[in-house]
Protein backbone atom coordinates (compact mmCIF):
# COMPACT_ATOMS: atom_id res chain seq x y z
CA UNK A 1 -38.01 -15.89 51.65
CA UNK A 2 -35.77 -13.61 53.68
CA UNK A 3 -34.57 -14.81 57.06
CA UNK A 4 -33.86 -12.46 59.93
CA UNK A 5 -30.92 -14.03 61.70
CA UNK A 6 -31.00 -11.38 64.44
CA UNK A 7 -34.52 -12.27 65.60
CA UNK A 8 -34.77 -14.32 68.80
CA UNK A 9 -35.21 -18.03 68.24
CA UNK A 10 -38.30 -19.87 69.41
CA UNK A 11 -37.79 -22.54 72.01
CA UNK A 12 -39.44 -25.96 72.14
CA UNK A 13 -42.08 -24.69 74.60
CA UNK A 14 -43.13 -21.83 72.31
CA UNK A 15 -43.62 -23.83 69.10
CA UNK A 16 -46.05 -26.71 69.02
CA UNK A 17 -44.36 -30.03 68.33
CA UNK A 18 -45.66 -31.42 65.07
CA UNK A 19 -45.37 -35.05 64.21
CA UNK A 20 -44.15 -36.31 60.85
CA UNK A 21 -47.66 -37.46 60.00
CA UNK A 22 -49.06 -33.99 60.72
CA UNK A 23 -46.47 -32.34 58.51
CA UNK A 24 -47.17 -34.77 55.66
CA UNK A 25 -50.91 -34.22 56.01
CA UNK A 26 -50.50 -30.44 55.91
CA UNK A 27 -48.56 -30.69 52.65
CA UNK A 28 -51.33 -32.69 51.09
CA UNK A 29 -51.05 -35.70 48.84
CA UNK A 30 -49.24 -33.89 46.05
CA UNK A 31 -46.01 -35.72 45.42
CA UNK A 32 -43.11 -33.59 44.36
CA UNK A 33 -40.82 -35.13 41.78
CA UNK A 34 -37.68 -33.77 40.21
CA UNK A 35 -37.85 -33.12 36.49
CA UNK A 36 -34.66 -33.72 34.53
CA UNK A 37 -34.35 -32.32 31.03
CA UNK A 38 -32.68 -35.09 29.05
CA UNK A 39 -32.46 -35.12 25.30
CA UNK A 40 -32.71 -38.35 23.33
CA UNK A 41 -29.19 -37.87 21.99
CA UNK A 42 -27.67 -37.59 25.48
CA UNK A 43 -26.10 -40.90 26.40
CA UNK A 44 -23.42 -41.97 28.80
CA UNK A 45 -21.24 -42.92 25.82
CA UNK A 46 -21.04 -39.26 24.75
CA UNK A 47 -19.57 -38.08 28.05
CA UNK A 48 -15.80 -38.16 28.55
CA UNK A 49 -14.81 -38.27 32.18
CA UNK A 50 -11.46 -36.83 33.25
CA UNK A 51 -9.01 -39.58 34.10
CA UNK A 52 -11.03 -42.20 32.24
CA UNK A 53 -9.15 -45.27 31.01
CA UNK A 54 -8.97 -44.92 27.24
CA UNK A 55 -6.37 -47.65 26.70
CA UNK A 56 -8.90 -49.82 24.87
CA UNK A 57 -9.89 -47.06 22.45
CA UNK A 58 -8.49 -46.91 18.93
CA UNK A 59 -8.07 -43.61 17.13
CA UNK A 60 -8.22 -43.24 13.37
CA UNK A 61 -6.04 -40.38 12.16
CA UNK A 62 -4.84 -39.77 8.63
CA UNK A 63 -1.23 -38.55 8.66
CA UNK A 64 -0.32 -36.39 5.69
CA UNK A 65 3.40 -36.28 4.92
CA UNK A 66 5.25 -32.97 4.77
CA UNK A 67 4.58 -31.22 1.46
CA UNK A 68 7.23 -29.72 -0.81
CA UNK A 69 6.36 -26.16 0.29
CA UNK A 70 6.50 -26.97 4.01
CA UNK A 71 9.21 -27.46 6.64
CA UNK A 72 9.39 -28.64 10.24
CA UNK A 73 10.75 -26.09 12.69
CA UNK A 74 13.81 -27.33 14.58
CA UNK A 75 12.67 -25.60 17.78
CA UNK A 76 8.87 -25.97 18.11
CA UNK A 77 8.59 -28.94 15.69
CA UNK A 78 5.53 -27.47 13.99
CA UNK A 79 5.07 -27.92 10.26
CA UNK A 80 5.12 -24.47 8.68
CA UNK A 81 4.96 -23.00 5.19
CA UNK A 82 8.35 -22.18 3.64
CA UNK A 83 7.51 -18.48 3.82
CA UNK A 84 7.87 -18.78 7.64
CA UNK A 85 11.58 -19.75 7.52
CA UNK A 86 13.61 -17.26 9.58
CA UNK A 87 16.91 -19.12 9.98
CA UNK A 88 18.59 -22.23 8.62
CA UNK A 89 21.43 -23.56 10.76
CA UNK A 90 23.19 -26.95 10.70
CA UNK A 91 20.56 -28.35 8.34
CA UNK A 92 17.69 -27.33 10.62
CA UNK A 93 15.16 -24.67 9.72
CA UNK A 94 13.63 -22.37 12.32
CA UNK A 95 10.33 -20.49 12.00
CA UNK A 96 9.81 -16.75 12.50
CA UNK A 97 7.96 -17.31 15.78
CA UNK A 98 10.89 -19.16 17.38
CA UNK A 99 13.57 -16.84 16.04
CA UNK A 100 11.56 -13.62 16.21
């Protein structure tokens, strides 16, 4: 519904004062309830809050050692394929992205 903010406002004398009971009666006995769409799979456990204390959580990660055809860049410390070697200096290998 559009509201005309430039129209003059009605004063208390112009509008009849309605009581709370009169307003409720005019709306009828239909109760309005909010409907929330919640799936069965939605639980509070599936929601990660920012700043949540995760000190009690334990992560399971499998660490794969560096393979024979891989190297660790001396600058960005990413494990790369040997084809990405751009420079080898003082025993450290550098990838094309860091030296490029």
